[in-house]
Amino acid sequence: MDYLEIITRCFDSDSVLYSRHARHEMFEEEFGLITDQEIYEAVNNGEIIESYPDDTPYPSVLIFGITNTGRPLHTVCAYNEEDEQVVIITTYQPNPDKWEAYRRRKK
């Protein structure tokens, strides 16, 4: 089973924990409020574009996905294997001035 499949299964079983930072970013996003439903849609339609295997306390990944309304979102997720739970570390709508096709950082 791949990491994205594990994450989407956690979303489907409602085994998701949002960090305080993620909740703050969802409400303060410069392009408008991000909802739980939008994160669910973007992750389920998403792809892993960066991996952070050395993150602690759990390795994490950056997922790029598009919501059902066409909104691009980036979501950093970690998987707590012991509790079988995904932790949403942060989420945001990527600024097109800083990302190429929302998948690679512009230099």
N, C-alpha and C. Protein backbone atom coordinates (compact mmCIF):
# COMPACT_ATOMS: atom_id res chain seq x y z
N MET A 1 0.85 -1.18 0.00
CA MET A 1 0.00 0.00 0.00
C MET A 1 0.90 1.25 0.00
N ASP A 2 0.57 2.22 -0.82
CA ASP A 2 1.39 3.43 -0.86
C ASP A 2 0.91 4.46 0.16
N TYR A 3 1.76 5.45 0.37
CA TYR A 3 1.51 6.45 1.42
C TYR A 3 0.23 7.24 1.15
N LEU A 4 0.00 7.61 -0.10
CA LEU A 4 -1.21 8.36 -0.43
C LEU A 4 -2.46 7.52 -0.18
N GLU A 5 -2.38 6.24 -0.45
CA GLU A 5 -3.52 5.36 -0.19
C GLU A 5 -3.80 5.27 1.31
N ILE A 6 -2.75 5.20 2.12
CA ILE A 6 -2.91 5.18 3.58
C ILE A 6 -3.61 6.45 4.04
N ILE A 7 -3.16 7.58 3.52
CA ILE A 7 -3.74 8.87 3.91
C ILE A 7 -5.21 8.95 3.51
N THR A 8 -5.54 8.55 2.29
CA THR A 8 -6.94 8.64 1.86
C THR A 8 -7.83 7.68 2.66
N ARG A 9 -7.29 6.53 3.04
CA ARG A 9 -8.07 5.61 3.90
C ARG A 9 -8.36 6.24 5.26
N CYS A 10 -7.39 6.97 5.80
CA CYS A 10 -7.61 7.66 7.08
C CYS A 10 -8.70 8.72 6.92
N PHE A 11 -8.70 9.45 5.81
CA PHE A 11 -9.76 10.43 5.58
C PHE A 11 -11.12 9.72 5.49
N ASP A 12 -11.16 8.61 4.78
CA ASP A 12 -12.42 7.89 4.62
C ASP A 12 -12.94 7.33 5.94
N SER A 13 -12.03 6.99 6.86
CA SER A 13 -12.46 6.46 8.16
C SER A 13 -12.52 7.55 9.24
N ASP A 14 -12.39 8.80 8.83
CA ASP A 14 -12.45 9.95 9.75
C ASP A 14 -11.39 9.86 10.85
N SER A 15 -10.22 9.41 10.45
CA SER A 15 -9.10 9.32 11.38
C SER A 15 -8.07 10.39 11.02
N VAL A 16 -8.50 11.64 11.17
CA VAL A 16 -7.70 12.80 10.77
C VAL A 16 -7.65 13.79 11.93
N LEU A 17 -6.46 14.26 12.22
CA LEU A 17 -6.25 15.26 13.27
C LEU A 17 -5.66 16.50 12.61
N TYR A 18 -6.25 17.65 12.86
CA TYR A 18 -5.74 18.92 12.34
C TYR A 18 -4.89 19.59 13.41
N SER A 19 -3.68 19.98 13.05
CA SER A 19 -2.84 20.71 13.99
C SER A 19 -3.41 22.12 14.19
N ARG A 20 -3.02 22.74 15.27
CA ARG A 20 -3.45 24.11 15.53
C ARG A 20 -3.00 25.02 14.39
N HIS A 21 -1.78 24.78 13.90
CA HIS A 21 -1.25 25.58 12.79
C HIS A 21 -2.11 25.40 11.53
N ALA A 22 -2.50 24.17 11.23
CA ALA A 22 -3.34 23.92 10.05
C ALA A 22 -4.67 24.67 10.17
N ARG A 23 -5.30 24.59 11.33
CA ARG A 23 -6.58 25.29 11.52
C ARG A 23 -6.40 26.80 11.34
N HIS A 24 -5.32 27.33 11.87
CA HIS A 24 -5.05 28.76 11.71
C HIS A 24 -4.90 29.11 10.23
N GLU A 25 -4.12 28.32 9.51
CA GLU A 25 -3.91 28.58 8.08
C GLU A 25 -5.21 28.46 7.29
N MET A 26 -6.07 27.53 7.66
CA MET A 26 -7.34 27.36 6.97
C MET A 26 -8.21 28.62 7.08
N PHE A 27 -8.19 29.24 8.26
CA PHE A 27 -9.02 30.43 8.48
C PHE A 27 -8.37 31.71 7.98
N GLU A 28 -7.04 31.74 7.93
CA GLU A 28 -6.32 32.96 7.55
C GLU A 28 -5.78 32.93 6.13
N GLU A 29 -6.12 31.93 5.33
CA GLU A 29 -5.61 31.79 3.97
C GLU A 29 -5.86 33.06 3.16
N GLU A 30 -4.81 33.55 2.49
CA GLU A 30 -4.91 34.81 1.74
C GLU A 30 -5.90 34.74 0.58
N PHE A 31 -6.16 33.55 0.04
CA PHE A 31 -7.10 33.40 -1.07
C PHE A 31 -8.49 32.99 -0.60
N GLY A 32 -8.73 32.99 0.71
CA GLY A 32 -10.05 32.66 1.25
C GLY A 32 -10.04 31.40 2.10
N LEU A 33 -11.02 31.31 2.97
CA LEU A 33 -11.19 30.19 3.90
C LEU A 33 -11.07 28.85 3.19
N ILE A 34 -10.37 27.91 3.83
CA ILE A 34 -10.27 26.53 3.34
C ILE A 34 -11.10 25.66 4.28
N THR A 35 -11.99 24.86 3.72
CA THR A 35 -12.85 24.00 4.54
C THR A 35 -12.28 22.59 4.65
N ASP A 36 -12.77 21.86 5.65
CA ASP A 36 -12.41 20.45 5.79
C ASP A 36 -12.76 19.67 4.52
N GLN A 37 -13.93 19.97 3.96
CA GLN A 37 -14.39 19.28 2.75
C GLN A 37 -13.43 19.52 1.59
N GLU A 38 -12.93 20.75 1.45
CA GLU A 38 -11.98 21.04 0.38
C GLU A 38 -10.68 20.26 0.55
N ILE A 39 -10.22 20.14 1.78
CA ILE A 39 -9.01 19.37 2.03
C ILE A 39 -9.25 17.91 1.68
N TYR A 40 -10.38 17.38 2.09
CA TYR A 40 -10.75 16.00 1.75
C TYR A 40 -10.74 15.78 0.24
N GLU A 41 -11.38 16.68 -0.48
CA GLU A 41 -11.44 16.56 -1.94
C GLU A 41 -10.06 16.65 -2.57
N ALA A 42 -9.26 17.62 -2.14
CA ALA A 42 -7.93 17.82 -2.73
C ALA A 42 -7.02 16.63 -2.44
N VAL A 43 -7.08 16.09 -1.24
CA VAL A 43 -6.23 14.94 -0.90
C VAL A 43 -6.68 13.71 -1.68
N ASN A 44 -7.98 13.50 -1.78
CA ASN A 44 -8.48 12.34 -2.50
C ASN A 44 -8.22 12.41 -4.01
N ASN A 45 -8.06 13.61 -4.54
CA ASN A 45 -7.76 13.80 -5.96
C ASN A 45 -6.29 14.13 -6.15
N GLY A 46 -5.50 13.97 -5.10
CA GLY A 46 -4.16 14.52 -5.10
C GLY A 46 -3.03 13.59 -5.49
N GLU A 47 -1.85 14.19 -5.47
CA GLU A 47 -0.61 13.47 -5.73
C GLU A 47 0.45 14.02 -4.79
N ILE A 48 1.35 13.16 -4.38
CA ILE A 48 2.46 13.58 -3.53
C ILE A 48 3.49 14.26 -4.41
N ILE A 49 3.82 15.52 -4.08
CA ILE A 49 4.80 16.24 -4.88
C ILE A 49 6.12 16.46 -4.15
N GLU A 50 6.13 16.30 -2.83
CA GLU A 50 7.36 16.38 -2.05
C GLU A 50 7.23 15.44 -0.86
N SER A 51 8.35 14.86 -0.45
CA SER A 51 8.38 14.01 0.74
C SER A 51 9.38 14.57 1.73
N TYR A 52 9.06 14.45 3.00
CA TYR A 52 9.92 14.93 4.08
C TYR A 52 10.14 13.77 5.06
N PRO A 53 10.95 12.79 4.68
CA PRO A 53 11.12 11.58 5.50
C PRO A 53 11.78 11.82 6.85
N ASP A 54 12.47 12.95 7.00
CA ASP A 54 13.16 13.22 8.26
C ASP A 54 12.35 14.08 9.22
N ASP A 55 11.12 14.46 8.85
CA ASP A 55 10.27 15.23 9.75
C ASP A 55 9.98 14.43 11.01
N THR A 56 9.85 15.14 12.12
CA THR A 56 9.51 14.50 13.38
C THR A 56 8.26 15.18 13.95
N PRO A 57 7.45 14.48 14.66
CA PRO A 57 7.64 13.11 15.12
C PRO A 57 7.31 12.06 14.06
N TYR A 58 6.73 12.48 12.89
CA TYR A 58 6.38 11.52 11.85
C TYR A 58 6.84 12.06 10.50
N PRO A 59 7.27 11.20 9.61
CA PRO A 59 7.58 11.65 8.25
C PRO A 59 6.32 12.26 7.64
N SER A 60 6.50 13.22 6.73
CA SER A 60 5.34 13.86 6.13
C SER A 60 5.53 14.00 4.63
N VAL A 61 4.44 14.38 3.97
CA VAL A 61 4.44 14.59 2.53
C VAL A 61 3.63 15.84 2.20
N LEU A 62 3.97 16.45 1.07
CA LEU A 62 3.20 17.57 0.54
C LEU A 62 2.35 17.02 -0.59
N ILE A 63 1.04 17.18 -0.45
CA ILE A 63 0.09 16.70 -1.45
C ILE A 63 -0.49 17.88 -2.20
N PHE A 64 -0.47 17.80 -3.53
CA PHE A 64 -1.15 18.78 -4.37
C PHE A 64 -2.41 18.14 -4.90
N GLY A 65 -3.53 18.83 -4.75
CA GLY A 65 -4.79 18.33 -5.27
C GLY A 65 -5.71 19.47 -5.64
N ILE A 66 -6.73 19.13 -6.38
CA ILE A 66 -7.72 20.10 -6.84
C ILE A 66 -9.06 19.73 -6.23
N THR A 67 -9.76 20.72 -5.69
CA THR A 67 -11.09 20.47 -5.12
C THR A 67 -12.10 20.26 -6.24
N ASN A 68 -13.29 19.86 -5.88
CA ASN A 68 -14.35 19.64 -6.87
C ASN A 68 -14.75 20.93 -7.60
N THR A 69 -14.44 22.08 -7.00
CA THR A 69 -14.74 23.36 -7.65
C THR A 69 -13.53 23.91 -8.41
N GLY A 70 -12.44 23.14 -8.45
CA GLY A 70 -11.27 23.55 -9.22
C GLY A 70 -10.23 24.35 -8.45
N ARG A 71 -10.36 24.41 -7.15
CA ARG A 71 -9.40 25.16 -6.34
C ARG A 71 -8.16 24.30 -6.07
N PRO A 72 -6.97 24.80 -6.39
CA PRO A 72 -5.75 24.06 -6.08
C PRO A 72 -5.39 24.22 -4.60
N LEU A 73 -4.99 23.12 -3.97
CA LEU A 73 -4.57 23.17 -2.58
C LEU A 73 -3.31 22.34 -2.38
N HIS A 74 -2.49 22.80 -1.48
CA HIS A 74 -1.36 22.03 -0.97
C HIS A 74 -1.69 21.66 0.46
N THR A 75 -1.43 20.41 0.82
CA THR A 75 -1.67 19.95 2.19
C THR A 75 -0.47 19.12 2.63
N VAL A 76 0.10 19.49 3.77
CA VAL A 76 1.19 18.70 4.34
C VAL A 76 0.57 17.76 5.36
N CYS A 77 0.77 16.45 5.12
CA CYS A 77 0.20 15.41 5.97
C CYS A 77 1.30 14.52 6.53
N ALA A 78 1.11 14.09 7.76
CA ALA A 78 1.99 13.09 8.37
C ALA A 78 1.11 11.93 8.80
N TYR A 79 1.71 10.75 8.86
CA TYR A 79 0.95 9.57 9.27
C TYR A 79 1.49 9.04 10.58
N ASN A 80 0.62 9.00 11.59
CA ASN A 80 0.94 8.44 12.89
C ASN A 80 0.56 6.97 12.83
N GLU A 81 1.55 6.13 12.57
CA GLU A 81 1.30 4.70 12.39
C GLU A 81 0.73 4.05 13.65
N GLU A 82 1.23 4.47 14.81
CA GLU A 82 0.77 3.88 16.07
C GLU A 82 -0.73 4.06 16.28
N ASP A 83 -1.23 5.26 15.98
CA ASP A 83 -2.66 5.55 16.16
C ASP A 83 -3.46 5.39 14.86
N GLU A 84 -2.77 5.03 13.78
CA GLU A 84 -3.41 4.91 12.47
C GLU A 84 -4.21 6.16 12.15
N GLN A 85 -3.52 7.30 12.21
CA GLN A 85 -4.17 8.59 12.07
C GLN A 85 -3.30 9.52 11.21
N VAL A 86 -3.95 10.29 10.36
CA VAL A 86 -3.27 11.31 9.58
C VAL A 86 -3.31 12.61 10.36
N VAL A 87 -2.18 13.31 10.37
CA VAL A 87 -2.10 14.62 10.99
C VAL A 87 -1.92 15.64 9.87
N ILE A 88 -2.85 16.60 9.81
CA ILE A 88 -2.74 17.69 8.85
C ILE A 88 -1.88 18.75 9.51
N ILE A 89 -0.71 18.97 8.95
CA ILE A 89 0.24 19.91 9.53
C ILE A 89 -0.04 21.33 9.06
N THR A 90 -0.28 21.47 7.77
CA THR A 90 -0.67 22.77 7.23
C THR A 90 -1.36 22.56 5.90
N THR A 91 -2.06 23.57 5.45
CA THR A 91 -2.70 23.56 4.14
C THR A 91 -2.80 24.99 3.65
N TYR A 92 -2.73 25.16 2.35
CA TYR A 92 -2.81 26.49 1.77
C TYR A 92 -3.10 26.38 0.28
N GLN A 93 -3.57 27.49 -0.27
CA GLN A 93 -3.73 27.57 -1.71
C GLN A 93 -2.42 28.11 -2.26
N PRO A 94 -1.72 27.33 -3.09
CA PRO A 94 -0.42 27.77 -3.57
C PRO A 94 -0.51 29.01 -4.46
N ASN A 95 0.41 29.92 -4.25
CA ASN A 95 0.47 31.14 -5.04
C ASN A 95 1.10 30.80 -6.39
N PRO A 96 0.40 31.06 -7.51
CA PRO A 96 0.94 30.71 -8.81
C PRO A 96 2.24 31.44 -9.15
N ASP A 97 2.51 32.55 -8.46
CA ASP A 97 3.77 33.26 -8.67
C ASP A 97 4.96 32.51 -8.07
N LYS A 98 4.70 31.57 -7.18
CA LYS A 98 5.76 30.84 -6.49
C LYS A 98 5.86 29.37 -6.92
N TRP A 99 4.87 28.89 -7.68
CA TRP A 99 4.83 27.47 -8.06
C TRP A 99 4.61 27.32 -9.56
N GLU A 100 5.32 26.37 -10.16
CA GLU A 100 5.12 26.02 -11.56
C GLU A 100 4.07 24.91 -11.61
N ALA A 101 2.94 25.21 -12.24
CA ALA A 101 1.83 24.26 -12.34
C ALA A 101 1.46 23.69 -10.97
N TYR A 102 1.71 24.44 -9.92
CA TYR A 102 1.43 24.06 -8.53
C TYR A 102 2.20 22.84 -8.05
N ARG A 103 3.16 22.38 -8.84
CA ARG A 103 3.88 21.15 -8.50
C ARG A 103 5.34 21.36 -8.17
N ARG A 104 5.96 22.39 -8.70
CA ARG A 104 7.38 22.65 -8.45
C ARG A 104 7.57 24.10 -8.06
N ARG A 105 8.42 24.30 -7.06
CA ARG A 105 8.71 25.66 -6.62
C ARG A 105 9.48 26.40 -7.71
N LYS A 106 9.08 27.63 -7.96
CA LYS A 106 9.82 28.45 -8.91
C LYS A 106 11.11 28.92 -8.28
N LYS A 107 12.13 29.04 -9.08
CA LYS A 107 13.43 29.50 -8.57
C LYS A 107 13.65 30.95 -8.87
